[in-house]
Amino acid sequence: MPLQPELKIRQKIMVTRKGEKQWFFSTVQDIRENGELFIEMPRQGESALVLYPGEAVDVRFSAEGASYVFSSPVLGKTVDRIPLFHLGPPENVQRIQQRNFVRFPVALEVFYALPPEKNRRPRYKKALSVDLSGGGIRLAVDELLPEGVVLNLKFSLPLKKGMKEIATAGKVVRRWAYETEGVVTYQVAVEFQGITRTQQDYIVNFIFSRMAEQGRLRP
């Protein structure tokens, strides 16, 4: 089925009961050949989403430079070391463009460098992130960077299993200048270039975890 190459075991997903607006976090634990899914009990903080056969859910997840949304019927519940919900094959699959990744406001220390001259090493400067998504990052910088320039980027994500460093490239696609009390500051929207699936998973997992902690997730 078209979705199957994108969705994978251990995929982080967001789940809501059809017709409702509160999203919960879960993980895909198994995928059958016919497309049926087994997922962990969806949770948001201390709250759990209990599902019953005959209901339907909407599911969202991010992969390969885009986000996906689909519906699934709830087939039942089983226990395989942990309680799992059994969902039918995805229906009404929609691919959402990269710009529609869940974007999360967060202040991270980021190091960026302009393309170096031949046989020179990149010279990194420090910036602060304004927000982050699986598709890109918005930075507060001290200089007006040109649109279209490709930056070298390095930053670390505090995950439950430890710090994970992200080293990738990013293209400046938009820029802003702000003046406050005579002081000019700049922000740039950077679209990741050549980011790996593993790096993107780290970012999505980081965002999901922070949103779950803060109870921020909305449709």
N, C-alpha and C. Protein backbone atom coordinates (compact mmCIF):
# COMPACT_ATOMS: atom_id res chain seq x y z
N MET A 1 0.84 -1.18 0.00
CA MET A 1 0.00 0.00 0.00
C MET A 1 0.89 1.24 0.00
N PRO A 2 0.46 2.39 -0.48
CA PRO A 2 1.33 3.54 -0.67
C PRO A 2 2.01 4.02 0.61
N LEU A 3 1.34 3.90 1.76
CA LEU A 3 1.90 4.44 2.99
C LEU A 3 2.98 3.55 3.58
N GLN A 4 2.91 2.26 3.29
CA GLN A 4 3.72 1.30 4.00
C GLN A 4 5.23 1.58 3.97
N PRO A 5 5.82 2.02 2.84
CA PRO A 5 7.26 2.29 2.87
C PRO A 5 7.64 3.43 3.83
N GLU A 6 6.71 4.31 4.14
CA GLU A 6 7.00 5.44 5.01
C GLU A 6 6.83 5.10 6.48
N LEU A 7 5.76 4.39 6.80
CA LEU A 7 5.49 4.03 8.19
C LEU A 7 6.34 2.83 8.57
N LYS A 8 6.91 2.85 9.77
CA LYS A 8 7.81 1.77 10.16
C LYS A 8 7.60 1.43 11.63
N ILE A 9 8.11 0.28 12.04
CA ILE A 9 8.07 -0.13 13.43
C ILE A 9 8.93 0.82 14.25
N ARG A 10 8.46 1.17 15.44
CA ARG A 10 9.06 2.13 16.36
C ARG A 10 8.81 3.57 15.94
N GLN A 11 7.96 3.77 14.90
CA GLN A 11 7.63 5.12 14.46
C GLN A 11 6.85 5.86 15.54
N LYS A 12 7.25 7.08 15.83
CA LYS A 12 6.50 7.92 16.75
C LYS A 12 5.29 8.50 16.01
N ILE A 13 4.12 8.40 16.62
CA ILE A 13 2.90 8.89 15.98
C ILE A 13 2.08 9.69 16.97
N MET A 14 1.11 10.45 16.44
CA MET A 14 0.13 11.16 17.25
C MET A 14 -1.24 10.60 16.91
N VAL A 15 -2.06 10.39 17.92
CA VAL A 15 -3.35 9.72 17.73
C VAL A 15 -4.45 10.52 18.41
N THR A 16 -5.60 10.62 17.75
CA THR A 16 -6.79 11.20 18.37
C THR A 16 -8.01 10.40 17.95
N ARG A 17 -8.98 10.31 18.84
CA ARG A 17 -10.24 9.64 18.49
C ARG A 17 -10.93 10.48 17.42
N LYS A 18 -11.48 9.82 16.41
CA LYS A 18 -12.14 10.51 15.31
C LYS A 18 -13.18 11.50 15.84
N GLY A 19 -13.09 12.73 15.37
CA GLY A 19 -14.04 13.74 15.78
C GLY A 19 -13.64 14.53 16.99
N GLU A 20 -12.56 14.11 17.67
CA GLU A 20 -12.08 14.84 18.84
C GLU A 20 -10.84 15.66 18.48
N LYS A 21 -10.41 16.51 19.41
CA LYS A 21 -9.34 17.45 19.10
C LYS A 21 -8.08 17.28 19.95
N GLN A 22 -8.14 16.40 20.93
CA GLN A 22 -6.96 16.21 21.79
C GLN A 22 -6.10 15.08 21.24
N TRP A 23 -4.82 15.38 21.00
CA TRP A 23 -3.90 14.41 20.44
C TRP A 23 -3.07 13.76 21.53
N PHE A 24 -2.78 12.48 21.33
CA PHE A 24 -1.97 11.71 22.26
C PHE A 24 -0.78 11.11 21.51
N PHE A 25 0.24 10.68 22.26
CA PHE A 25 1.46 10.18 21.66
C PHE A 25 1.54 8.67 21.78
N SER A 26 2.03 8.03 20.72
CA SER A 26 2.15 6.57 20.74
C SER A 26 3.32 6.16 19.84
N THR A 27 3.55 4.85 19.78
CA THR A 27 4.62 4.29 18.95
C THR A 27 4.08 3.05 18.25
N VAL A 28 4.42 2.88 16.99
CA VAL A 28 4.03 1.69 16.24
C VAL A 28 4.91 0.52 16.69
N GLN A 29 4.28 -0.56 17.13
CA GLN A 29 5.02 -1.72 17.61
C GLN A 29 5.07 -2.87 16.60
N ASP A 30 4.10 -2.92 15.70
CA ASP A 30 4.11 -3.99 14.69
C ASP A 30 3.26 -3.56 13.49
N ILE A 31 3.64 -4.02 12.33
CA ILE A 31 2.90 -3.76 11.09
C ILE A 31 2.74 -5.09 10.36
N ARG A 32 1.51 -5.49 10.12
CA ARG A 32 1.27 -6.73 9.39
C ARG A 32 1.33 -6.49 7.89
N GLU A 33 1.47 -7.58 7.13
CA GLU A 33 1.57 -7.46 5.68
C GLU A 33 0.34 -6.83 5.05
N ASN A 34 -0.82 -7.02 5.67
CA ASN A 34 -2.05 -6.43 5.13
C ASN A 34 -2.24 -4.97 5.55
N GLY A 35 -1.25 -4.42 6.27
CA GLY A 35 -1.32 -3.01 6.67
C GLY A 35 -1.88 -2.76 8.05
N GLU A 36 -2.37 -3.80 8.73
CA GLU A 36 -2.89 -3.61 10.08
C GLU A 36 -1.75 -3.24 11.03
N LEU A 37 -2.06 -2.39 12.02
CA LEU A 37 -1.05 -1.84 12.92
C LEU A 37 -1.32 -2.25 14.37
N PHE A 38 -0.25 -2.34 15.14
CA PHE A 38 -0.35 -2.49 16.58
C PHE A 38 0.43 -1.35 17.21
N ILE A 39 -0.25 -0.56 18.04
CA ILE A 39 0.38 0.62 18.63
C ILE A 39 0.29 0.58 20.14
N GLU A 40 1.24 1.24 20.80
CA GLU A 40 1.17 1.38 22.25
C GLU A 40 -0.02 2.23 22.64
N MET A 41 -0.45 2.10 23.89
CA MET A 41 -1.55 2.93 24.37
C MET A 41 -1.16 4.41 24.24
N PRO A 42 -1.93 5.20 23.50
CA PRO A 42 -1.59 6.62 23.34
C PRO A 42 -1.69 7.36 24.67
N ARG A 43 -0.70 8.23 24.93
CA ARG A 43 -0.69 8.97 26.18
C ARG A 43 -0.30 10.42 25.94
N GLN A 44 -0.74 11.27 26.85
CA GLN A 44 -0.30 12.65 26.90
C GLN A 44 -0.15 13.00 28.37
N GLY A 45 1.12 13.08 28.81
CA GLY A 45 1.36 13.27 30.24
C GLY A 45 0.84 12.08 31.02
N GLU A 46 -0.01 12.33 32.01
CA GLU A 46 -0.57 11.25 32.83
C GLU A 46 -1.86 10.68 32.24
N SER A 47 -2.37 11.28 31.18
CA SER A 47 -3.64 10.84 30.58
C SER A 47 -3.40 9.80 29.49
N ALA A 48 -4.31 8.84 29.40
CA ALA A 48 -4.23 7.80 28.37
C ALA A 48 -5.49 7.84 27.51
N LEU A 49 -5.35 7.48 26.26
CA LEU A 49 -6.49 7.39 25.34
C LEU A 49 -6.89 5.92 25.23
N VAL A 50 -8.01 5.57 25.83
CA VAL A 50 -8.51 4.20 25.79
C VAL A 50 -9.44 4.05 24.59
N LEU A 51 -9.15 3.10 23.73
CA LEU A 51 -9.91 2.91 22.49
C LEU A 51 -10.70 1.60 22.54
N TYR A 52 -11.81 1.57 21.80
CA TYR A 52 -12.69 0.40 21.80
C TYR A 52 -12.98 -0.03 20.37
N PRO A 53 -13.16 -1.34 20.16
CA PRO A 53 -13.47 -1.84 18.81
C PRO A 53 -14.69 -1.13 18.24
N GLY A 54 -14.63 -0.78 16.96
CA GLY A 54 -15.73 -0.08 16.30
C GLY A 54 -15.50 1.42 16.22
N GLU A 55 -14.60 1.95 17.06
CA GLU A 55 -14.26 3.36 16.97
C GLU A 55 -13.26 3.57 15.82
N ALA A 56 -12.97 4.82 15.52
CA ALA A 56 -11.98 5.16 14.51
C ALA A 56 -11.06 6.23 15.07
N VAL A 57 -9.83 6.24 14.58
CA VAL A 57 -8.85 7.23 15.03
C VAL A 57 -8.22 7.92 13.82
N ASP A 58 -7.70 9.12 14.07
CA ASP A 58 -6.84 9.80 13.11
C ASP A 58 -5.42 9.71 13.64
N VAL A 59 -4.48 9.51 12.72
CA VAL A 59 -3.07 9.33 13.09
C VAL A 59 -2.21 10.28 12.27
N ARG A 60 -1.23 10.89 12.92
CA ARG A 60 -0.28 11.77 12.24
C ARG A 60 1.13 11.30 12.54
N PHE A 61 2.03 11.40 11.53
CA PHE A 61 3.44 11.12 11.77
C PHE A 61 4.27 11.81 10.70
N SER A 62 5.56 11.91 10.97
CA SER A 62 6.48 12.58 10.05
C SER A 62 7.52 11.59 9.55
N ALA A 63 7.87 11.69 8.25
CA ALA A 63 8.88 10.82 7.66
C ALA A 63 9.26 11.35 6.29
N GLU A 64 10.55 11.19 5.95
CA GLU A 64 11.04 11.49 4.61
C GLU A 64 10.61 12.87 4.11
N GLY A 65 10.86 13.89 4.91
CA GLY A 65 10.61 15.25 4.45
C GLY A 65 9.17 15.68 4.37
N ALA A 66 8.26 14.94 4.98
CA ALA A 66 6.85 15.32 4.93
C ALA A 66 6.13 14.76 6.16
N SER A 67 4.92 15.24 6.38
CA SER A 67 4.06 14.67 7.41
C SER A 67 2.90 13.95 6.73
N TYR A 68 2.36 12.96 7.41
CA TYR A 68 1.25 12.17 6.87
C TYR A 68 0.11 12.13 7.88
N VAL A 69 -1.10 12.09 7.37
CA VAL A 69 -2.29 11.95 8.18
C VAL A 69 -3.14 10.84 7.59
N PHE A 70 -3.67 9.96 8.43
CA PHE A 70 -4.57 8.92 7.92
C PHE A 70 -5.57 8.54 9.01
N SER A 71 -6.61 7.81 8.60
CA SER A 71 -7.61 7.29 9.53
C SER A 71 -7.49 5.78 9.61
N SER A 72 -7.88 5.22 10.74
CA SER A 72 -7.88 3.76 10.90
C SER A 72 -9.01 3.35 11.83
N PRO A 73 -9.67 2.21 11.54
CA PRO A 73 -10.65 1.68 12.49
C PRO A 73 -9.93 0.96 13.62
N VAL A 74 -10.51 1.00 14.81
CA VAL A 74 -9.97 0.26 15.95
C VAL A 74 -10.54 -1.16 15.91
N LEU A 75 -9.66 -2.16 15.83
CA LEU A 75 -10.10 -3.55 15.72
C LEU A 75 -10.14 -4.26 17.08
N GLY A 76 -9.34 -3.78 18.01
CA GLY A 76 -9.34 -4.44 19.30
C GLY A 76 -8.11 -4.09 20.11
N LYS A 77 -7.90 -4.85 21.19
CA LYS A 77 -6.78 -4.63 22.10
C LYS A 77 -6.15 -5.96 22.40
N THR A 78 -4.83 -5.98 22.53
CA THR A 78 -4.12 -7.21 22.86
C THR A 78 -3.00 -6.86 23.83
N VAL A 79 -2.37 -7.88 24.40
CA VAL A 79 -1.25 -7.66 25.31
C VAL A 79 -0.08 -8.50 24.84
N ASP A 80 1.04 -7.84 24.53
CA ASP A 80 2.28 -8.50 24.14
C ASP A 80 3.39 -7.83 24.95
N ARG A 81 3.53 -8.26 26.20
CA ARG A 81 4.38 -7.61 27.21
C ARG A 81 3.76 -6.30 27.69
N ILE A 82 3.23 -5.50 26.74
CA ILE A 82 2.54 -4.26 27.10
C ILE A 82 1.21 -4.22 26.35
N PRO A 83 0.24 -3.45 26.85
CA PRO A 83 -1.04 -3.36 26.14
C PRO A 83 -0.85 -2.68 24.77
N LEU A 84 -1.46 -3.27 23.75
CA LEU A 84 -1.38 -2.73 22.40
C LEU A 84 -2.78 -2.60 21.82
N PHE A 85 -3.00 -1.55 21.05
CA PHE A 85 -4.25 -1.41 20.31
C PHE A 85 -4.01 -1.88 18.88
N HIS A 86 -5.00 -2.61 18.37
CA HIS A 86 -4.95 -3.19 17.03
C HIS A 86 -5.77 -2.29 16.10
N LEU A 87 -5.12 -1.71 15.10
CA LEU A 87 -5.79 -0.82 14.17
C LEU A 87 -5.86 -1.44 12.78
N GLY A 88 -6.91 -1.12 12.05
CA GLY A 88 -7.03 -1.57 10.67
C GLY A 88 -6.07 -0.83 9.76
N PRO A 89 -5.92 -1.25 8.50
CA PRO A 89 -5.02 -0.59 7.56
C PRO A 89 -5.38 0.89 7.41
N PRO A 90 -4.38 1.75 7.23
CA PRO A 90 -4.63 3.18 7.07
C PRO A 90 -5.58 3.48 5.91
N GLU A 91 -6.45 4.44 6.14
CA GLU A 91 -7.41 4.88 5.12
C GLU A 91 -7.27 6.39 4.93
N ASN A 92 -7.65 6.86 3.74
CA ASN A 92 -7.66 8.31 3.45
C ASN A 92 -6.30 8.95 3.77
N VAL A 93 -5.24 8.33 3.28
CA VAL A 93 -3.89 8.81 3.57
C VAL A 93 -3.65 10.14 2.85
N GLN A 94 -3.15 11.12 3.58
CA GLN A 94 -2.82 12.41 2.99
C GLN A 94 -1.37 12.75 3.32
N ARG A 95 -0.65 13.19 2.31
CA ARG A 95 0.74 13.64 2.50
C ARG A 95 0.74 15.15 2.63
N ILE A 96 1.35 15.66 3.70
CA ILE A 96 1.42 17.09 3.94
C ILE A 96 2.84 17.55 3.66
N GLN A 97 3.01 18.65 2.98
CA GLN A 97 4.32 19.12 2.59
C GLN A 97 5.20 19.41 3.80
N GLN A 98 6.50 19.42 3.57
CA GLN A 98 7.49 19.59 4.63
C GLN A 98 7.24 20.84 5.47
N ARG A 99 6.76 21.90 4.85
CA ARG A 99 6.55 23.14 5.60
C ARG A 99 5.48 22.97 6.67
N ASN A 100 4.70 21.91 6.59
CA ASN A 100 3.63 21.69 7.56
C ASN A 100 4.03 20.73 8.67
N PHE A 101 5.34 20.46 8.80
CA PHE A 101 5.80 19.72 9.96
C PHE A 101 5.35 20.44 11.22
N VAL A 102 5.14 19.67 12.27
CA VAL A 102 4.86 20.29 13.56
C VAL A 102 6.06 21.16 13.93
N ARG A 103 5.83 22.45 14.13
CA ARG A 103 6.91 23.39 14.46
C ARG A 103 6.80 23.77 15.94
N PHE A 104 7.90 23.61 16.65
CA PHE A 104 7.88 23.76 18.10
C PHE A 104 8.82 24.89 18.53
N PRO A 105 8.31 25.86 19.30
CA PRO A 105 9.18 26.93 19.78
C PRO A 105 10.15 26.43 20.84
N VAL A 106 11.45 26.60 20.61
CA VAL A 106 12.44 26.12 21.57
C VAL A 106 13.73 26.91 21.38
N ALA A 107 14.40 27.20 22.47
CA ALA A 107 15.66 27.93 22.44
C ALA A 107 16.81 26.94 22.63
N LEU A 108 17.52 26.66 21.56
CA LEU A 108 18.68 25.77 21.60
C LEU A 108 19.90 26.54 21.10
N GLU A 109 21.05 26.21 21.64
CA GLU A 109 22.29 26.78 21.14
C GLU A 109 22.64 26.09 19.82
N VAL A 110 22.80 26.87 18.78
CA VAL A 110 23.08 26.34 17.44
C VAL A 110 24.35 27.00 16.90
N PHE A 111 25.19 26.21 16.27
CA PHE A 111 26.39 26.75 15.64
C PHE A 111 26.22 26.64 14.12
N TYR A 112 26.50 27.74 13.43
CA TYR A 112 26.35 27.75 11.97
C TYR A 112 27.61 28.32 11.33
N ALA A 113 27.85 27.93 10.10
CA ALA A 113 29.01 28.43 9.36
C ALA A 113 28.64 28.63 7.91
N LEU A 114 29.11 29.72 7.34
CA LEU A 114 28.96 29.95 5.91
C LEU A 114 29.88 28.99 5.15
N PRO A 115 29.59 28.74 3.87
CA PRO A 115 30.47 27.86 3.10
C PRO A 115 31.91 28.38 3.13
N PRO A 116 32.88 27.55 3.52
CA PRO A 116 34.27 28.02 3.62
C PRO A 116 34.93 28.15 2.24
N GLU A 117 35.98 28.93 2.21
CA GLU A 117 36.78 29.01 1.00
C GLU A 117 37.49 27.68 0.79
N LYS A 118 37.95 27.47 -0.41
CA LYS A 118 38.60 26.20 -0.76
C LYS A 118 39.76 25.92 0.18
N ASN A 119 39.82 24.69 0.66
CA ASN A 119 40.87 24.21 1.56
C ASN A 119 40.86 24.90 2.93
N ARG A 120 39.75 25.55 3.27
CA ARG A 120 39.60 26.17 4.58
C ARG A 120 38.53 25.44 5.39
N ARG A 121 38.67 25.46 6.68
CA ARG A 121 37.66 24.86 7.54
C ARG A 121 36.53 25.85 7.79
N PRO A 122 35.32 25.35 8.01
CA PRO A 122 34.21 26.26 8.32
C PRO A 122 34.48 27.02 9.62
N ARG A 123 34.10 28.28 9.66
CA ARG A 123 34.22 29.10 10.86
C ARG A 123 32.83 29.26 11.48
N TYR A 124 32.61 28.56 12.58
CA TYR A 124 31.27 28.52 13.17
C TYR A 124 31.02 29.72 14.08
N LYS A 125 29.78 30.20 14.02
CA LYS A 125 29.31 31.25 14.89
C LYS A 125 28.11 30.73 15.68
N LYS A 126 27.86 31.34 16.83
CA LYS A 126 26.78 30.87 17.70
C LYS A 126 25.49 31.62 17.41
N ALA A 127 24.39 30.88 17.39
CA ALA A 127 23.06 31.46 17.23
C ALA A 127 22.13 30.79 18.23
N LEU A 128 20.89 31.25 18.26
CA LEU A 128 19.89 30.67 19.15
C LEU A 128 18.67 30.30 18.31
N SER A 129 18.18 29.11 18.51
CA SER A 129 16.99 28.70 17.75
C SER A 129 15.75 29.41 18.30
N VAL A 130 14.82 29.71 17.39
CA VAL A 130 13.52 30.29 17.76
C VAL A 130 12.46 29.19 17.75
N ASP A 131 12.49 28.36 16.72
CA ASP A 131 11.63 27.18 16.67
C ASP A 131 12.30 26.11 15.83
N LEU A 132 11.75 24.90 15.91
CA LEU A 132 12.37 23.74 15.28
C LEU A 132 11.30 22.80 14.76
N SER A 133 11.55 22.18 13.62
CA SER A 133 10.66 21.14 13.08
C SER A 133 11.52 20.09 12.40
N GLY A 134 10.88 19.02 11.94
CA GLY A 134 11.62 18.00 11.22
C GLY A 134 12.13 18.49 9.87
N GLY A 135 11.59 19.61 9.40
CA GLY A 135 11.99 20.13 8.10
C GLY A 135 12.92 21.31 8.12
N GLY A 136 13.07 21.96 9.30
CA GLY A 136 13.94 23.13 9.33
C GLY A 136 14.00 23.76 10.71
N ILE A 137 14.69 24.89 10.77
CA ILE A 137 14.91 25.59 12.04
C ILE A 137 14.92 27.08 11.78
N ARG A 138 14.42 27.84 12.75
CA ARG A 138 14.46 29.30 12.67
C ARG A 138 15.47 29.79 13.69
N LEU A 139 16.39 30.63 13.24
CA LEU A 139 17.50 31.07 14.06
C LEU A 139 17.47 32.57 14.30
N ALA A 140 17.87 32.98 15.49
CA ALA A 140 18.16 34.38 15.79
C ALA A 140 19.67 34.55 15.66
N VAL A 141 20.09 35.44 14.76
CA VAL A 141 21.51 35.62 14.45
C VAL A 141 21.89 37.09 14.58
N ASP A 142 23.18 37.36 14.58
CA ASP A 142 23.68 38.73 14.74
C ASP A 142 24.03 39.39 13.41
N GLU A 143 23.78 38.71 12.30
CA GLU A 143 24.14 39.26 10.99
C GLU A 143 23.02 38.95 9.99
N LEU A 144 22.94 39.74 8.95
CA LEU A 144 21.92 39.55 7.93
C LEU A 144 22.45 38.56 6.89
N LEU A 145 22.02 37.32 6.99
CA LEU A 145 22.49 36.29 6.07
C LEU A 145 21.70 36.35 4.77
N PRO A 146 22.34 36.11 3.64
CA PRO A 146 21.64 36.19 2.36
C PRO A 146 20.71 35.00 2.13
N GLU A 147 19.57 35.26 1.53
CA GLU A 147 18.67 34.17 1.16
C GLU A 147 19.35 33.28 0.12
N GLY A 148 19.13 31.99 0.24
CA GLY A 148 19.70 31.04 -0.71
C GLY A 148 21.02 30.45 -0.29
N VAL A 149 21.71 31.07 0.69
CA VAL A 149 22.99 30.53 1.13
C VAL A 149 22.76 29.24 1.91
N VAL A 150 23.66 28.28 1.73
CA VAL A 150 23.57 27.00 2.43
C VAL A 150 24.56 27.01 3.59
N LEU A 151 24.05 26.81 4.80
CA LEU A 151 24.85 26.85 6.00
C LEU A 151 25.21 25.45 6.48
N ASN A 152 26.35 25.34 7.14
CA ASN A 152 26.65 24.15 7.92
C ASN A 152 26.07 24.37 9.32
N LEU A 153 25.36 23.40 9.84
CA LEU A 153 24.68 23.55 11.13
C LEU A 153 25.10 22.44 12.09
N LYS A 154 25.23 22.82 13.36
CA LYS A 154 25.48 21.84 14.42
C LYS A 154 24.70 22.25 15.66
N PHE A 155 23.96 21.30 16.23
CA PHE A 155 23.28 21.54 17.50
C PHE A 155 23.00 20.20 18.17
N SER A 156 22.74 20.24 19.46
CA SER A 156 22.51 19.02 20.23
C SER A 156 21.10 19.01 20.80
N LEU A 157 20.51 17.82 20.85
CA LEU A 157 19.16 17.65 21.38
C LEU A 157 19.22 16.82 22.65
N PRO A 158 18.63 17.32 23.74
CA PRO A 158 18.59 16.53 24.98
C PRO A 158 17.46 15.52 24.93
N LEU A 159 17.78 14.28 24.62
CA LEU A 159 16.79 13.21 24.58
C LEU A 159 16.90 12.36 25.83
N LYS A 160 15.90 11.53 26.06
CA LYS A 160 15.89 10.69 27.26
C LYS A 160 17.09 9.75 27.30
N LYS A 161 17.59 9.33 26.14
CA LYS A 161 18.72 8.41 26.09
C LYS A 161 20.05 9.16 26.02
N GLY A 162 20.02 10.47 26.23
CA GLY A 162 21.25 11.25 26.20
C GLY A 162 21.24 12.31 25.12
N MET A 163 22.31 13.07 25.04
CA MET A 163 22.43 14.13 24.04
C MET A 163 22.71 13.53 22.67
N LYS A 164 22.01 14.04 21.66
CA LYS A 164 22.23 13.61 20.28
C LYS A 164 22.62 14.83 19.45
N GLU A 165 23.77 14.76 18.81
CA GLU A 165 24.23 15.88 18.00
C GLU A 165 23.70 15.78 16.59
N ILE A 166 23.19 16.89 16.09
CA ILE A 166 22.72 16.98 14.72
C ILE A 166 23.71 17.83 13.94
N ALA A 167 24.28 17.28 12.91
CA ALA A 167 25.18 18.01 12.03
C ALA A 167 24.65 17.85 10.61
N THR A 168 24.18 18.93 10.02
CA THR A 168 23.58 18.86 8.70
C THR A 168 23.75 20.21 7.99
N ALA A 169 23.23 20.31 6.80
CA ALA A 169 23.24 21.57 6.06
C ALA A 169 21.85 22.16 6.05
N GLY A 170 21.77 23.46 5.83
CA GLY A 170 20.46 24.12 5.79
C GLY A 170 20.50 25.34 4.87
N LYS A 171 19.46 25.50 4.09
CA LYS A 171 19.38 26.63 3.16
C LYS A 171 18.52 27.74 3.75
N VAL A 172 19.04 28.97 3.71
CA VAL A 172 18.28 30.12 4.20
C VAL A 172 17.18 30.43 3.18
N VAL A 173 15.93 30.29 3.60
CA VAL A 173 14.81 30.51 2.68
C VAL A 173 14.05 31.80 2.97
N ARG A 174 14.29 32.39 4.15
CA ARG A 174 13.60 33.63 4.50
C ARG A 174 14.40 34.34 5.59
N ARG A 175 14.29 35.66 5.66
CA ARG A 175 15.01 36.39 6.69
C ARG A 175 14.21 37.61 7.12
N TRP A 176 14.45 38.04 8.35
CA TRP A 176 13.74 39.19 8.92
C TRP A 176 14.74 40.04 9.69
N ALA A 177 14.45 41.33 9.78
CA ALA A 177 15.22 42.24 10.62
C ALA A 177 14.27 42.90 11.61
N TYR A 178 14.67 42.99 12.87
CA TYR A 178 13.84 43.60 13.90
C TYR A 178 14.65 44.69 14.61
N GLU A 179 14.00 45.78 14.89
CA GLU A 179 14.66 46.86 15.63
C GLU A 179 13.90 47.13 16.91
N THR A 180 14.61 47.03 18.03
CA THR A 180 14.03 47.28 19.35
C THR A 180 14.93 48.25 20.10
N GLU A 181 14.39 49.41 20.40
CA GLU A 181 15.14 50.45 21.11
C GLU A 181 16.49 50.72 20.45
N GLY A 182 16.45 50.80 19.13
CA GLY A 182 17.65 51.13 18.38
C GLY A 182 18.59 49.97 18.11
N VAL A 183 18.27 48.79 18.63
CA VAL A 183 19.12 47.61 18.42
C VAL A 183 18.49 46.73 17.35
N VAL A 184 19.25 46.42 16.31
CA VAL A 184 18.75 45.60 15.21
C VAL A 184 19.18 44.15 15.42
N THR A 185 18.22 43.23 15.33
CA THR A 185 18.51 41.80 15.39
C THR A 185 17.91 41.13 14.16
N TYR A 186 18.38 39.94 13.87
CA TYR A 186 17.95 39.25 12.65
C TYR A 186 17.48 37.83 12.98
N GLN A 187 16.56 37.36 12.16
CA GLN A 187 16.15 35.96 12.21
C GLN A 187 16.14 35.40 10.80
N VAL A 188 16.46 34.10 10.68
CA VAL A 188 16.45 33.43 9.38
C VAL A 188 15.72 32.11 9.50
N ALA A 189 14.92 31.80 8.49
CA ALA A 189 14.27 30.48 8.40
C ALA A 189 15.17 29.60 7.54
N VAL A 190 15.56 28.48 8.07
CA VAL A 190 16.50 27.59 7.41
C VAL A 190 15.83 26.25 7.13
N GLU A 191 15.89 25.81 5.89
CA GLU A 191 15.32 24.51 5.50
C GLU A 191 16.44 23.50 5.43
N PHE A 192 16.29 22.38 6.18
CA PHE A 192 17.34 21.37 6.20
C PHE A 192 17.59 20.82 4.80
N GLN A 193 18.86 20.57 4.50
CA GLN A 193 19.27 20.01 3.23
C GLN A 193 20.06 18.72 3.50
N GLY A 194 19.58 17.62 2.97
CA GLY A 194 20.30 16.36 3.12
C GLY A 194 20.27 15.78 4.52
N ILE A 195 19.30 16.16 5.32
CA ILE A 195 19.22 15.61 6.67
C ILE A 195 18.90 14.12 6.59
N THR A 196 19.50 13.32 7.46
CA THR A 196 19.27 11.88 7.42
C THR A 196 17.97 11.51 8.13
N ARG A 197 17.48 10.33 7.82
CA ARG A 197 16.26 9.84 8.48
C ARG A 197 16.47 9.74 9.99
N THR A 198 17.65 9.27 10.41
CA THR A 198 17.93 9.14 11.83
C THR A 198 17.92 10.50 12.51
N GLN A 199 18.56 11.49 11.90
CA GLN A 199 18.58 12.83 12.47
C GLN A 199 17.16 13.40 12.58
N GLN A 200 16.38 13.19 11.53
CA GLN A 200 15.00 13.68 11.55
C GLN A 200 14.19 12.99 12.64
N ASP A 201 14.42 11.71 12.84
CA ASP A 201 13.74 10.98 13.91
C ASP A 201 14.10 11.57 15.27
N TYR A 202 15.38 11.90 15.47
CA TYR A 202 15.79 12.52 16.73
C TYR A 202 15.02 13.82 16.97
N ILE A 203 14.90 14.63 15.92
CA ILE A 203 14.22 15.92 16.06
C ILE A 203 12.74 15.70 16.38
N VAL A 204 12.09 14.82 15.63
CA VAL A 204 10.67 14.55 15.85
C VAL A 204 10.44 13.98 17.25
N ASN A 205 11.31 13.06 17.68
CA ASN A 205 11.18 12.49 19.03
C ASN A 205 11.34 13.57 20.09
N PHE A 206 12.30 14.46 19.89
CA PHE A 206 12.52 15.56 20.82
C PHE A 206 11.28 16.45 20.92
N ILE A 207 10.71 16.80 19.76
CA ILE A 207 9.52 17.66 19.74
C ILE A 207 8.33 16.96 20.39
N PHE A 208 8.11 15.69 20.04
CA PHE A 208 7.00 14.94 20.62
C PHE A 208 7.13 14.89 22.14
N SER A 209 8.35 14.64 22.63
CA SER A 209 8.57 14.53 24.07
C SER A 209 8.28 15.85 24.77
N ARG A 210 8.77 16.95 24.20
CA ARG A 210 8.55 18.26 24.81
C ARG A 210 7.06 18.64 24.78
N MET A 211 6.40 18.33 23.69
CA MET A 211 4.97 18.64 23.59
C MET A 211 4.17 17.81 24.57
N ALA A 212 4.56 16.55 24.74
CA ALA A 212 3.86 15.69 25.71
C ALA A 212 4.03 16.23 27.12
N GLU A 213 5.25 16.68 27.44
CA GLU A 213 5.52 17.21 28.77
C GLU A 213 4.68 18.45 29.05
N GLN A 214 4.52 19.28 28.03
CA GLN A 214 3.84 20.56 28.20
C GLN A 214 2.34 20.49 27.91
N GLY A 215 1.88 19.33 27.38
CA GLY A 215 0.47 19.21 27.02
C GLY A 215 0.05 20.19 25.96
N ARG A 216 0.96 20.44 24.98
CA ARG A 216 0.73 21.49 24.00
C ARG A 216 0.06 21.00 22.73
N LEU A 217 0.04 19.68 22.49
CA LEU A 217 -0.35 19.20 21.17
C LEU A 217 -1.82 19.49 20.87
N ARG A 218 -2.04 20.11 19.75
CA ARG A 218 -3.39 20.42 19.26
C ARG A 218 -3.48 20.04 17.80
N PRO A 219 -4.67 19.83 17.22
CA PRO A 219 -4.78 19.43 15.83
C PRO A 219 -4.36 20.57 14.92
